[in-house]
Amino acid sequence: ASMLAAEFGAHAVLLSDIPAELVNSDIVISSTASQLPILGKGAVESALKLRKHKPIFMVDIAVPRDIEPEVGELDDVYLYSVDDLHEVVAENLKSRQGAALAAEQLVSLGADDFMSRLRELAAVDVLRAYRQQSERLRDEELSKAQRMLANGSNAEDVLVQLARGLTNKLLHAPSVQLKKLSAEGRVDALAMAQELFALGEGSTDKTPQ
């Protein structure tokens, strides 16, 4: 004990001198092989009076206990035994498990959001290609309309022709593909197309052509 104390700049005392040393001790950690308690309630209570009730923090990790359980009843003593430490460990484990579950949920939500963004990025290329195609068709019809106007065609007739020509060209490729899918019995694809073009029930144009 003396060698260990010297290594850490402390000093060793006899077990019989421990009650007297309590007066100058703010923290007590006990772990001996004694079969009987080495610190009783009376000794600690006397030390507290001399300390003017300055609190003492005590940790008893001995089995059996070195410090009488009754010591914990004193107002200015904070006594923790092996059982208390087990409860603290269990509570910390429960807390960590709860935190791990929360973290797992956050990771899951983050992963879902990330995958959603990836899917959105995949749609970007399709949308860009569709927009480029639409703009090309628009420019073609616009050039045709400008030529008609330059040749003296009626402006109203040119606008009607522009609208009809652009509509027909925009619908041509989708119409061909939808007819092909229908012939192949691709009901799922037709339903997806209806959703894609926001064609709800009753929205079909029934105006005679």
N, C-alpha and C. Protein backbone atom coordinates (compact mmCIF):
# COMPACT_ATOMS: atom_id res chain seq x y z
N ALA A 1 0.83 -1.20 0.00
CA ALA A 1 0.00 0.00 0.00
C ALA A 1 0.86 1.25 0.00
N SER A 2 1.96 1.22 0.78
CA SER A 2 2.86 2.38 0.86
C SER A 2 3.52 2.66 -0.49
N MET A 3 3.93 1.58 -1.19
CA MET A 3 4.57 1.74 -2.49
C MET A 3 3.59 2.32 -3.52
N LEU A 4 2.36 1.83 -3.50
CA LEU A 4 1.34 2.33 -4.42
C LEU A 4 1.02 3.79 -4.14
N ALA A 5 0.91 4.13 -2.86
CA ALA A 5 0.62 5.52 -2.49
C ALA A 5 1.75 6.44 -2.92
N ALA A 6 2.98 5.99 -2.73
CA ALA A 6 4.14 6.82 -3.10
C ALA A 6 4.18 7.05 -4.60
N GLU A 7 3.77 6.04 -5.38
CA GLU A 7 3.78 6.16 -6.84
C GLU A 7 2.86 7.27 -7.32
N PHE A 8 1.76 7.48 -6.60
CA PHE A 8 0.79 8.49 -7.02
C PHE A 8 0.83 9.75 -6.15
N GLY A 9 1.89 9.90 -5.36
CA GLY A 9 2.04 11.10 -4.55
C GLY A 9 1.04 11.17 -3.40
N ALA A 10 0.63 10.02 -2.91
CA ALA A 10 -0.33 9.98 -1.79
C ALA A 10 0.37 9.38 -0.57
N HIS A 11 -0.40 9.14 0.48
CA HIS A 11 0.19 8.50 1.65
C HIS A 11 -0.74 7.40 2.15
N ALA A 12 -0.16 6.35 2.68
CA ALA A 12 -0.93 5.20 3.17
C ALA A 12 -1.20 5.34 4.65
N VAL A 13 -2.37 4.83 5.07
CA VAL A 13 -2.73 4.86 6.50
C VAL A 13 -3.25 3.49 6.90
N LEU A 14 -3.27 3.23 8.18
CA LEU A 14 -3.81 1.98 8.69
C LEU A 14 -5.33 2.01 8.61
N LEU A 15 -5.94 0.82 8.50
CA LEU A 15 -7.40 0.75 8.47
C LEU A 15 -8.02 1.40 9.70
N SER A 16 -7.33 1.25 10.82
CA SER A 16 -7.85 1.83 12.07
C SER A 16 -7.83 3.36 12.05
N ASP A 17 -7.02 3.95 11.16
CA ASP A 17 -6.92 5.41 11.10
C ASP A 17 -7.88 6.03 10.08
N ILE A 18 -8.59 5.19 9.32
CA ILE A 18 -9.47 5.70 8.27
C ILE A 18 -10.54 6.65 8.80
N PRO A 19 -11.24 6.35 9.92
CA PRO A 19 -12.25 7.28 10.42
C PRO A 19 -11.70 8.69 10.63
N ALA A 20 -10.48 8.79 11.13
CA ALA A 20 -9.88 10.10 11.36
C ALA A 20 -9.56 10.80 10.04
N GLU A 21 -9.20 10.02 9.03
CA GLU A 21 -8.86 10.60 7.73
C GLU A 21 -10.09 11.12 6.97
N LEU A 22 -11.27 10.67 7.37
CA LEU A 22 -12.49 11.10 6.68
C LEU A 22 -12.71 12.61 6.77
N VAL A 23 -12.19 13.21 7.81
CA VAL A 23 -12.37 14.66 8.01
C VAL A 23 -11.81 15.43 6.81
N ASN A 24 -10.75 14.93 6.22
CA ASN A 24 -10.09 15.63 5.11
C ASN A 24 -10.39 15.00 3.74
N SER A 25 -11.39 14.14 3.70
CA SER A 25 -11.67 13.40 2.46
C SER A 25 -13.00 13.85 1.85
N ASP A 26 -12.94 14.35 0.63
CA ASP A 26 -14.16 14.72 -0.10
C ASP A 26 -14.71 13.54 -0.89
N ILE A 27 -13.79 12.65 -1.32
CA ILE A 27 -14.19 11.49 -2.10
C ILE A 27 -13.57 10.24 -1.49
N VAL A 28 -14.39 9.21 -1.30
CA VAL A 28 -13.91 7.94 -0.74
C VAL A 28 -14.30 6.81 -1.68
N ILE A 29 -13.30 6.05 -2.13
CA ILE A 29 -13.55 4.88 -2.96
C ILE A 29 -12.98 3.67 -2.22
N SER A 30 -13.84 2.71 -1.94
CA SER A 30 -13.43 1.59 -1.09
C SER A 30 -13.57 0.25 -1.81
N SER A 31 -12.50 -0.58 -1.68
CA SER A 31 -12.54 -1.92 -2.26
C SER A 31 -11.52 -2.79 -1.53
N THR A 32 -11.99 -3.49 -0.49
CA THR A 32 -11.12 -4.39 0.25
C THR A 32 -11.74 -5.78 0.25
N ALA A 33 -11.00 -6.73 0.81
CA ALA A 33 -11.49 -8.10 0.91
C ALA A 33 -12.06 -8.38 2.28
N SER A 34 -12.30 -7.33 3.04
CA SER A 34 -12.81 -7.50 4.41
C SER A 34 -14.20 -8.13 4.38
N GLN A 35 -14.43 -9.04 5.32
CA GLN A 35 -15.74 -9.69 5.42
C GLN A 35 -16.73 -8.86 6.23
N LEU A 36 -16.21 -7.81 6.88
CA LEU A 36 -17.05 -6.93 7.69
C LEU A 36 -16.85 -5.49 7.23
N PRO A 37 -17.86 -4.62 7.41
CA PRO A 37 -17.71 -3.22 7.04
C PRO A 37 -16.56 -2.57 7.81
N ILE A 38 -15.81 -1.71 7.14
CA ILE A 38 -14.71 -1.00 7.81
C ILE A 38 -15.08 0.45 8.10
N LEU A 39 -16.23 0.88 7.58
CA LEU A 39 -16.72 2.23 7.87
C LEU A 39 -18.19 2.14 8.26
N GLY A 40 -18.48 2.61 9.47
CA GLY A 40 -19.85 2.58 9.95
C GLY A 40 -20.48 3.96 9.94
N LYS A 41 -21.77 3.99 10.20
CA LYS A 41 -22.51 5.24 10.18
C LYS A 41 -22.00 6.22 11.23
N GLY A 42 -21.66 5.71 12.41
CA GLY A 42 -21.21 6.58 13.49
C GLY A 42 -19.92 7.31 13.15
N ALA A 43 -18.94 6.57 12.58
CA ALA A 43 -17.66 7.18 12.24
C ALA A 43 -17.83 8.26 11.18
N VAL A 44 -18.66 7.98 10.18
CA VAL A 44 -18.87 8.96 9.11
C VAL A 44 -19.63 10.17 9.65
N GLU A 45 -20.59 9.92 10.52
CA GLU A 45 -21.37 11.03 11.10
C GLU A 45 -20.46 11.95 11.91
N SER A 46 -19.53 11.37 12.66
CA SER A 46 -18.59 12.17 13.45
C SER A 46 -17.70 13.01 12.53
N ALA A 47 -17.25 12.40 11.43
CA ALA A 47 -16.41 13.13 10.48
C ALA A 47 -17.17 14.29 9.85
N LEU A 48 -18.45 14.08 9.56
CA LEU A 48 -19.26 15.14 8.95
C LEU A 48 -19.40 16.34 9.88
N LYS A 49 -19.53 16.07 11.18
CA LYS A 49 -19.64 17.17 12.14
C LYS A 49 -18.37 18.00 12.15
N LEU A 50 -17.21 17.32 12.12
CA LEU A 50 -15.94 18.04 12.10
C LEU A 50 -15.74 18.78 10.77
N ARG A 51 -16.34 18.26 9.69
CA ARG A 51 -16.26 18.92 8.38
C ARG A 51 -17.31 20.01 8.23
N LYS A 52 -18.09 20.23 9.30
CA LYS A 52 -19.19 21.21 9.27
C LYS A 52 -20.17 20.87 8.14
N HIS A 53 -20.40 19.55 8.05
CA HIS A 53 -21.37 18.98 7.11
C HIS A 53 -21.04 19.25 5.64
N LYS A 54 -19.77 19.38 5.36
CA LYS A 54 -19.33 19.46 3.97
C LYS A 54 -19.52 18.07 3.35
N PRO A 55 -20.19 17.94 2.21
CA PRO A 55 -20.55 16.63 1.65
C PRO A 55 -19.35 15.72 1.35
N ILE A 56 -19.62 14.41 1.44
CA ILE A 56 -18.63 13.40 1.07
C ILE A 56 -19.24 12.49 0.01
N PHE A 57 -18.49 12.26 -1.05
CA PHE A 57 -18.92 11.37 -2.12
C PHE A 57 -18.23 10.02 -1.91
N MET A 58 -19.02 8.94 -1.75
CA MET A 58 -18.46 7.63 -1.44
C MET A 58 -18.88 6.59 -2.49
N VAL A 59 -17.90 5.78 -2.92
CA VAL A 59 -18.17 4.68 -3.85
C VAL A 59 -17.62 3.40 -3.23
N ASP A 60 -18.52 2.45 -2.97
CA ASP A 60 -18.14 1.18 -2.35
C ASP A 60 -18.28 0.08 -3.39
N ILE A 61 -17.14 -0.40 -3.92
CA ILE A 61 -17.19 -1.45 -4.94
C ILE A 61 -16.77 -2.81 -4.38
N ALA A 62 -16.70 -2.90 -3.07
CA ALA A 62 -16.31 -4.16 -2.42
C ALA A 62 -17.50 -5.10 -2.30
N VAL A 63 -17.22 -6.40 -2.35
CA VAL A 63 -18.23 -7.43 -2.12
C VAL A 63 -17.64 -8.44 -1.15
N PRO A 64 -18.17 -8.56 0.10
CA PRO A 64 -19.27 -7.76 0.63
C PRO A 64 -18.87 -6.30 0.86
N ARG A 65 -19.82 -5.47 1.24
CA ARG A 65 -19.60 -4.03 1.33
C ARG A 65 -18.61 -3.64 2.42
N ASP A 66 -17.81 -2.61 2.11
CA ASP A 66 -16.90 -2.03 3.10
C ASP A 66 -17.58 -0.96 3.93
N ILE A 67 -18.60 -0.33 3.36
CA ILE A 67 -19.27 0.79 4.03
C ILE A 67 -20.69 0.37 4.36
N GLU A 68 -21.08 0.57 5.61
CA GLU A 68 -22.43 0.19 6.03
C GLU A 68 -23.48 0.92 5.19
N PRO A 69 -24.51 0.22 4.72
CA PRO A 69 -25.55 0.86 3.91
C PRO A 69 -26.21 2.04 4.61
N GLU A 70 -26.25 1.99 5.96
CA GLU A 70 -26.89 3.07 6.72
C GLU A 70 -26.18 4.41 6.54
N VAL A 71 -24.91 4.35 6.12
CA VAL A 71 -24.16 5.59 5.89
C VAL A 71 -24.87 6.45 4.84
N GLY A 72 -25.50 5.79 3.88
CA GLY A 72 -26.20 6.51 2.82
C GLY A 72 -27.39 7.28 3.31
N GLU A 73 -27.84 7.02 4.55
CA GLU A 73 -28.98 7.75 5.11
C GLU A 73 -28.59 9.14 5.59
N LEU A 74 -27.30 9.40 5.75
CA LEU A 74 -26.84 10.71 6.22
C LEU A 74 -27.04 11.75 5.12
N ASP A 75 -27.49 12.94 5.54
CA ASP A 75 -27.85 13.98 4.58
C ASP A 75 -26.69 14.44 3.70
N ASP A 76 -25.50 14.46 4.25
CA ASP A 76 -24.37 15.03 3.52
C ASP A 76 -23.46 13.97 2.90
N VAL A 77 -23.99 12.76 2.75
CA VAL A 77 -23.21 11.67 2.16
C VAL A 77 -23.90 11.19 0.88
N TYR A 78 -23.11 11.02 -0.15
CA TYR A 78 -23.61 10.47 -1.41
C TYR A 78 -22.92 9.13 -1.61
N LEU A 79 -23.60 8.05 -1.19
CA LEU A 79 -23.01 6.72 -1.18
C LEU A 79 -23.55 5.89 -2.35
N TYR A 80 -22.61 5.29 -3.09
CA TYR A 80 -22.98 4.43 -4.22
C TYR A 80 -22.28 3.09 -4.05
N SER A 81 -23.07 2.02 -4.14
CA SER A 81 -22.51 0.67 -4.00
C SER A 81 -22.42 0.01 -5.37
N VAL A 82 -21.96 -1.25 -5.38
CA VAL A 82 -21.88 -2.00 -6.63
C VAL A 82 -23.26 -2.11 -7.27
N ASP A 83 -24.28 -2.34 -6.44
CA ASP A 83 -25.64 -2.46 -6.98
C ASP A 83 -26.08 -1.17 -7.66
N ASP A 84 -25.75 -0.03 -7.02
CA ASP A 84 -26.09 1.26 -7.62
C ASP A 84 -25.39 1.45 -8.95
N LEU A 85 -24.12 1.04 -8.99
CA LEU A 85 -23.35 1.19 -10.22
C LEU A 85 -23.92 0.32 -11.33
N HIS A 86 -24.40 -0.88 -10.94
CA HIS A 86 -25.03 -1.75 -11.92
C HIS A 86 -26.27 -1.07 -12.51
N GLU A 87 -27.04 -0.40 -11.63
CA GLU A 87 -28.23 0.30 -12.10
C GLU A 87 -27.86 1.44 -13.03
N VAL A 88 -26.78 2.14 -12.68
CA VAL A 88 -26.32 3.25 -13.54
C VAL A 88 -25.90 2.72 -14.90
N VAL A 89 -25.15 1.59 -14.88
CA VAL A 89 -24.70 0.99 -16.13
C VAL A 89 -25.90 0.55 -16.97
N ALA A 90 -26.89 -0.08 -16.30
CA ALA A 90 -28.07 -0.54 -17.02
C ALA A 90 -28.84 0.63 -17.62
N GLU A 91 -28.95 1.71 -16.84
CA GLU A 91 -29.65 2.90 -17.33
C GLU A 91 -28.91 3.53 -18.50
N ASN A 92 -27.58 3.57 -18.38
CA ASN A 92 -26.78 4.12 -19.48
C ASN A 92 -26.91 3.26 -20.74
N LEU A 93 -26.94 1.92 -20.52
CA LEU A 93 -27.10 1.02 -21.65
C LEU A 93 -28.45 1.23 -22.32
N LYS A 94 -29.49 1.38 -21.48
CA LYS A 94 -30.83 1.62 -22.01
C LYS A 94 -30.86 2.93 -22.79
N SER A 95 -30.19 3.94 -22.22
CA SER A 95 -30.14 5.25 -22.89
C SER A 95 -29.42 5.14 -24.22
N ARG A 96 -28.30 4.39 -24.23
CA ARG A 96 -27.54 4.23 -25.47
C ARG A 96 -28.35 3.45 -26.51
N GLN A 97 -29.10 2.44 -26.03
CA GLN A 97 -29.93 1.67 -26.96
C GLN A 97 -31.00 2.55 -27.57
N GLY A 98 -31.58 3.44 -26.72
CA GLY A 98 -32.58 4.38 -27.23
C GLY A 98 -31.97 5.33 -28.24
N ALA A 99 -30.76 5.81 -27.92
CA ALA A 99 -30.06 6.71 -28.84
C ALA A 99 -29.71 6.00 -30.13
N ALA A 100 -29.32 4.72 -30.01
CA ALA A 100 -28.98 3.94 -31.20
C ALA A 100 -30.21 3.75 -32.09
N LEU A 101 -31.37 3.50 -31.45
CA LEU A 101 -32.60 3.33 -32.22
C LEU A 101 -32.96 4.62 -32.93
N ALA A 102 -32.84 5.75 -32.19
CA ALA A 102 -33.13 7.05 -32.80
C ALA A 102 -32.18 7.32 -33.96
N ALA A 103 -30.89 6.98 -33.75
CA ALA A 103 -29.90 7.19 -34.81
C ALA A 103 -30.22 6.32 -36.02
N GLU A 104 -30.65 5.07 -35.74
CA GLU A 104 -31.00 4.16 -36.84
C GLU A 104 -32.17 4.71 -37.65
N GLN A 105 -33.15 5.29 -36.94
CA GLN A 105 -34.30 5.87 -37.64
C GLN A 105 -33.88 7.07 -38.48
N LEU A 106 -32.97 7.89 -37.91
CA LEU A 106 -32.48 9.05 -38.66
C LEU A 106 -31.72 8.61 -39.91
N VAL A 107 -30.89 7.56 -39.74
CA VAL A 107 -30.14 7.05 -40.89
C VAL A 107 -31.09 6.51 -41.95
N SER A 108 -32.14 5.81 -41.49
CA SER A 108 -33.11 5.25 -42.42
C SER A 108 -33.82 6.36 -43.20
N LEU A 109 -34.23 7.41 -42.46
CA LEU A 109 -34.89 8.54 -43.12
C LEU A 109 -33.94 9.22 -44.09
N GLY A 110 -32.67 9.37 -43.65
CA GLY A 110 -31.68 9.99 -44.52
C GLY A 110 -31.44 9.18 -45.77
N ALA A 111 -31.40 7.85 -45.60
CA ALA A 111 -31.18 6.97 -46.76
C ALA A 111 -32.37 7.06 -47.72
N ASP A 112 -33.59 7.09 -47.15
CA ASP A 112 -34.77 7.20 -48.00
C ASP A 112 -34.76 8.51 -48.78
N ASP A 113 -34.38 9.59 -48.08
CA ASP A 113 -34.32 10.89 -48.74
C ASP A 113 -33.26 10.89 -49.83
N PHE A 114 -32.12 10.27 -49.53
CA PHE A 114 -31.03 10.21 -50.51
C PHE A 114 -31.45 9.44 -51.76
N MET A 115 -32.11 8.28 -51.54
CA MET A 115 -32.55 7.48 -52.67
C MET A 115 -33.62 8.22 -53.48
N SER A 116 -34.47 8.96 -52.76
CA SER A 116 -35.49 9.75 -53.46
C SER A 116 -34.85 10.80 -54.35
N ARG A 117 -33.79 11.42 -53.82
CA ARG A 117 -33.09 12.44 -54.61
C ARG A 117 -32.39 11.80 -55.82
N LEU A 118 -31.85 10.60 -55.62
CA LEU A 118 -31.23 9.90 -56.75
C LEU A 118 -32.25 9.61 -57.84
N ARG A 119 -33.45 9.18 -57.41
CA ARG A 119 -34.50 8.90 -58.39
C ARG A 119 -34.93 10.17 -59.11
N GLU A 120 -34.96 11.29 -58.34
CA GLU A 120 -35.30 12.57 -58.97
C GLU A 120 -34.25 12.96 -60.00
N LEU A 121 -32.98 12.71 -59.68
CA LEU A 121 -31.90 13.02 -60.62
C LEU A 121 -32.04 12.19 -61.89
N ALA A 122 -32.48 10.94 -61.72
CA ALA A 122 -32.68 10.08 -62.89
C ALA A 122 -33.77 10.67 -63.79
N ALA A 123 -34.79 11.29 -63.18
CA ALA A 123 -35.87 11.89 -63.96
C ALA A 123 -35.42 13.17 -64.66
N VAL A 124 -34.40 13.83 -64.11
CA VAL A 124 -33.93 15.09 -64.68
C VAL A 124 -33.49 14.90 -66.12
N ASP A 125 -32.74 13.83 -66.40
CA ASP A 125 -32.26 13.58 -67.76
C ASP A 125 -33.42 13.38 -68.73
N VAL A 126 -34.43 12.64 -68.27
CA VAL A 126 -35.59 12.40 -69.12
C VAL A 126 -36.33 13.71 -69.40
N LEU A 127 -36.52 14.51 -68.34
CA LEU A 127 -37.21 15.79 -68.50
C LEU A 127 -36.43 16.73 -69.41
N ARG A 128 -35.11 16.71 -69.26
CA ARG A 128 -34.28 17.58 -70.11
C ARG A 128 -34.42 17.18 -71.59
N ALA A 129 -34.37 15.87 -71.84
CA ALA A 129 -34.50 15.39 -73.22
C ALA A 129 -35.88 15.73 -73.79
N TYR A 130 -36.92 15.57 -72.95
CA TYR A 130 -38.28 15.87 -73.41
C TYR A 130 -38.44 17.36 -73.71
N ARG A 131 -37.85 18.19 -72.85
CA ARG A 131 -37.92 19.64 -73.06
C ARG A 131 -37.19 20.03 -74.35
N GLN A 132 -36.02 19.44 -74.57
CA GLN A 132 -35.27 19.76 -75.79
C GLN A 132 -36.05 19.35 -77.04
N GLN A 133 -36.69 18.18 -76.96
CA GLN A 133 -37.49 17.73 -78.09
C GLN A 133 -38.66 18.68 -78.34
N SER A 134 -39.33 19.09 -77.26
CA SER A 134 -40.48 19.99 -77.38
C SER A 134 -40.06 21.34 -77.95
N GLU A 135 -38.91 21.84 -77.49
CA GLU A 135 -38.43 23.13 -77.99
C GLU A 135 -38.05 23.04 -79.47
N ARG A 136 -37.51 21.90 -79.89
CA ARG A 136 -37.17 21.72 -81.31
C ARG A 136 -38.43 21.73 -82.17
N LEU A 137 -39.48 21.02 -81.71
CA LEU A 137 -40.74 21.00 -82.45
C LEU A 137 -41.37 22.39 -82.48
N ARG A 138 -41.27 23.09 -81.36
CA ARG A 138 -41.81 24.45 -81.30
C ARG A 138 -41.11 25.36 -82.30
N ASP A 139 -39.78 25.27 -82.33
CA ASP A 139 -39.01 26.13 -83.24
C ASP A 139 -39.35 25.82 -84.71
N GLU A 140 -39.57 24.54 -85.01
CA GLU A 140 -39.91 24.15 -86.38
C GLU A 140 -41.25 24.77 -86.79
N GLU A 141 -42.25 24.65 -85.91
CA GLU A 141 -43.57 25.20 -86.22
C GLU A 141 -43.55 26.72 -86.25
N LEU A 142 -42.74 27.31 -85.37
CA LEU A 142 -42.65 28.77 -85.35
C LEU A 142 -42.01 29.29 -86.64
N SER A 143 -40.97 28.61 -87.12
CA SER A 143 -40.33 29.00 -88.37
C SER A 143 -41.31 28.89 -89.54
N LYS A 144 -42.11 27.82 -89.52
CA LYS A 144 -43.11 27.64 -90.57
C LYS A 144 -44.14 28.77 -90.54
N ALA A 145 -44.57 29.14 -89.33
CA ALA A 145 -45.55 30.22 -89.21
C ALA A 145 -44.97 31.55 -89.68
N GLN A 146 -43.72 31.80 -89.34
CA GLN A 146 -43.07 33.05 -89.77
C GLN A 146 -42.97 33.13 -91.29
N ARG A 147 -42.70 31.99 -91.92
CA ARG A 147 -42.62 31.97 -93.39
C ARG A 147 -44.00 32.24 -94.01
N MET A 148 -45.03 31.67 -93.38
CA MET A 148 -46.39 31.89 -93.88
C MET A 148 -46.78 33.35 -93.76
N LEU A 149 -46.42 33.97 -92.65
CA LEU A 149 -46.73 35.39 -92.47
C LEU A 149 -45.96 36.24 -93.48
N ALA A 150 -44.70 35.86 -93.72
CA ALA A 150 -43.88 36.61 -94.67
C ALA A 150 -44.44 36.51 -96.09
N ASN A 151 -45.15 35.40 -96.36
CA ASN A 151 -45.74 35.21 -97.69
C ASN A 151 -47.13 35.82 -97.80
N GLY A 152 -47.55 36.51 -96.73
CA GLY A 152 -48.83 37.22 -96.78
C GLY A 152 -50.02 36.43 -96.31
N SER A 153 -49.84 35.30 -95.65
CA SER A 153 -50.97 34.51 -95.15
C SER A 153 -51.69 35.27 -94.05
N ASN A 154 -52.98 34.96 -93.87
CA ASN A 154 -53.79 35.59 -92.83
C ASN A 154 -53.23 35.21 -91.46
N ALA A 155 -53.06 36.23 -90.59
CA ALA A 155 -52.44 36.00 -89.29
C ALA A 155 -53.24 35.02 -88.44
N GLU A 156 -54.58 35.12 -88.49
CA GLU A 156 -55.41 34.22 -87.69
C GLU A 156 -55.26 32.78 -88.18
N ASP A 157 -55.22 32.61 -89.48
CA ASP A 157 -55.04 31.26 -90.03
C ASP A 157 -53.67 30.69 -89.65
N VAL A 158 -52.68 31.57 -89.64
CA VAL A 158 -51.32 31.13 -89.27
C VAL A 158 -51.28 30.66 -87.82
N LEU A 159 -51.96 31.41 -86.93
CA LEU A 159 -51.98 31.03 -85.50
C LEU A 159 -52.67 29.70 -85.30
N VAL A 160 -53.79 29.51 -86.01
CA VAL A 160 -54.51 28.24 -85.90
C VAL A 160 -53.63 27.09 -86.39
N GLN A 161 -52.96 27.29 -87.52
CA GLN A 161 -52.09 26.27 -88.07
C GLN A 161 -50.91 25.99 -87.14
N LEU A 162 -50.38 27.04 -86.52
CA LEU A 162 -49.27 26.89 -85.57
C LEU A 162 -49.68 26.04 -84.38
N ALA A 163 -50.85 26.36 -83.82
CA ALA A 163 -51.33 25.62 -82.65
C ALA A 163 -51.61 24.16 -82.99
N ARG A 164 -52.28 23.95 -84.15
CA ARG A 164 -52.62 22.58 -84.56
C ARG A 164 -51.37 21.77 -84.87
N GLY A 165 -50.43 22.39 -85.58
CA GLY A 165 -49.21 21.68 -85.95
C GLY A 165 -48.37 21.31 -84.74
N LEU A 166 -48.26 22.24 -83.79
CA LEU A 166 -47.46 21.97 -82.59
C LEU A 166 -48.11 20.88 -81.74
N THR A 167 -49.45 20.95 -81.62
CA THR A 167 -50.17 19.93 -80.84
C THR A 167 -49.99 18.54 -81.45
N ASN A 168 -50.15 18.46 -82.77
CA ASN A 168 -50.02 17.17 -83.45
C ASN A 168 -48.61 16.58 -83.29
N LYS A 169 -47.60 17.43 -83.42
CA LYS A 169 -46.23 16.92 -83.31
C LYS A 169 -45.89 16.49 -81.88
N LEU A 170 -46.39 17.25 -80.90
CA LEU A 170 -46.12 16.89 -79.50
C LEU A 170 -46.81 15.59 -79.11
N LEU A 171 -47.97 15.33 -79.72
CA LEU A 171 -48.73 14.13 -79.36
C LEU A 171 -48.39 12.93 -80.23
N HIS A 172 -47.67 13.15 -81.31
CA HIS A 172 -47.44 12.05 -82.26
C HIS A 172 -46.70 10.87 -81.62
N ALA A 173 -45.51 11.12 -81.07
CA ALA A 173 -44.71 10.02 -80.50
C ALA A 173 -45.43 9.34 -79.33
N PRO A 174 -46.00 10.11 -78.35
CA PRO A 174 -46.73 9.44 -77.27
C PRO A 174 -47.91 8.62 -77.78
N SER A 175 -48.62 9.13 -78.81
CA SER A 175 -49.78 8.41 -79.34
C SER A 175 -49.36 7.08 -79.95
N VAL A 176 -48.27 7.10 -80.72
CA VAL A 176 -47.77 5.87 -81.34
C VAL A 176 -47.40 4.85 -80.28
N GLN A 177 -46.69 5.29 -79.24
CA GLN A 177 -46.26 4.38 -78.19
C GLN A 177 -47.43 3.83 -77.39
N LEU A 178 -48.44 4.68 -77.11
CA LEU A 178 -49.60 4.23 -76.35
C LEU A 178 -50.39 3.18 -77.13
N LYS A 179 -50.53 3.37 -78.44
CA LYS A 179 -51.22 2.38 -79.26
C LYS A 179 -50.47 1.05 -79.26
N LYS A 180 -49.14 1.15 -79.30
CA LYS A 180 -48.31 -0.06 -79.28
C LYS A 180 -48.46 -0.79 -77.95
N LEU A 181 -48.42 -0.04 -76.85
CA LEU A 181 -48.58 -0.64 -75.52
C LEU A 181 -49.95 -1.27 -75.36
N SER A 182 -50.97 -0.60 -75.89
CA SER A 182 -52.33 -1.13 -75.80
C SER A 182 -52.44 -2.44 -76.56
N ALA A 183 -51.82 -2.49 -77.73
CA ALA A 183 -51.85 -3.72 -78.54
C ALA A 183 -51.14 -4.86 -77.84
N GLU A 184 -50.12 -4.53 -77.05
CA GLU A 184 -49.36 -5.54 -76.32
C GLU A 184 -50.01 -5.92 -74.99
N GLY A 185 -51.13 -5.27 -74.66
CA GLY A 185 -51.82 -5.58 -73.41
C GLY A 185 -51.14 -5.02 -72.18
N ARG A 186 -50.35 -3.98 -72.36
CA ARG A 186 -49.61 -3.38 -71.24
C ARG A 186 -50.51 -2.42 -70.47
N VAL A 187 -51.46 -2.98 -69.73
CA VAL A 187 -52.40 -2.17 -68.97
C VAL A 187 -51.69 -1.32 -67.92
N ASP A 188 -50.63 -1.89 -67.33
CA ASP A 188 -49.90 -1.16 -66.30
C ASP A 188 -49.26 0.10 -66.87
N ALA A 189 -48.69 -0.03 -68.06
CA ALA A 189 -48.05 1.13 -68.70
C ALA A 189 -49.09 2.17 -69.08
N LEU A 190 -50.27 1.72 -69.52
CA LEU A 190 -51.33 2.66 -69.87
C LEU A 190 -51.81 3.42 -68.64
N ALA A 191 -51.92 2.70 -67.52
CA ALA A 191 -52.32 3.36 -66.27
C ALA A 191 -51.27 4.37 -65.83
N MET A 192 -50.00 4.02 -66.01
CA MET A 192 -48.92 4.93 -65.67
C MET A 192 -48.95 6.17 -66.56
N ALA A 193 -49.26 5.97 -67.85
CA ALA A 193 -49.36 7.10 -68.77
C ALA A 193 -50.51 8.02 -68.38
N GLN A 194 -51.62 7.42 -67.95
CA GLN A 194 -52.75 8.22 -67.51
C GLN A 194 -52.38 9.06 -66.30
N GLU A 195 -51.59 8.46 -65.38
CA GLU A 195 -51.13 9.21 -64.21
C GLU A 195 -50.11 10.27 -64.62
N LEU A 196 -49.22 9.94 -65.55
CA LEU A 196 -48.19 10.86 -66.00
C LEU A 196 -48.79 12.12 -66.62
N PHE A 197 -49.85 11.93 -67.42
CA PHE A 197 -50.47 13.07 -68.09
C PHE A 197 -51.63 13.66 -67.28
N ALA A 198 -51.77 13.19 -66.02
CA ALA A 198 -52.82 13.71 -65.12
C ALA A 198 -54.20 13.60 -65.75
N LEU A 199 -54.50 12.42 -66.30
CA LEU A 199 -55.78 12.19 -66.95
C LEU A 199 -56.69 11.42 -66.01
N GLY A 200 -57.42 12.14 -65.17
CA GLY A 200 -58.33 11.50 -64.25
C GLY A 200 -59.60 11.09 -64.96
N GLU A 201 -60.45 10.33 -64.25
CA GLU A 201 -61.71 9.90 -64.85
C GLU A 201 -62.56 11.13 -65.16
N GLY A 202 -63.16 11.14 -66.32
CA GLY A 202 -64.02 12.26 -66.70
C GLY A 202 -63.27 13.41 -67.30
N SER A 203 -61.91 13.30 -67.37
CA SER A 203 -61.12 14.40 -67.92
C SER A 203 -60.89 14.24 -69.42
N THR A 204 -61.29 13.09 -69.98
CA THR A 204 -61.08 12.85 -71.41
C THR A 204 -61.91 13.82 -72.23
N ASP A 205 -61.29 14.42 -73.20
CA ASP A 205 -61.97 15.37 -74.07
C ASP A 205 -62.92 14.62 -74.99
N LYS A 206 -64.24 14.89 -74.84
CA LYS A 206 -65.24 14.19 -75.65
C LYS A 206 -65.76 15.07 -76.77
N THR A 207 -65.07 16.18 -77.02
CA THR A 207 -65.50 17.07 -78.10
C THR A 207 -65.30 16.37 -79.44
N PRO A 208 -66.31 16.36 -80.30
CA PRO A 208 -66.17 15.69 -81.60
C PRO A 208 -65.03 16.27 -82.38
N GLN A 209 -64.25 15.40 -83.03
CA GLN A 209 -63.11 15.84 -83.82
C GLN A 209 -63.55 16.07 -85.26
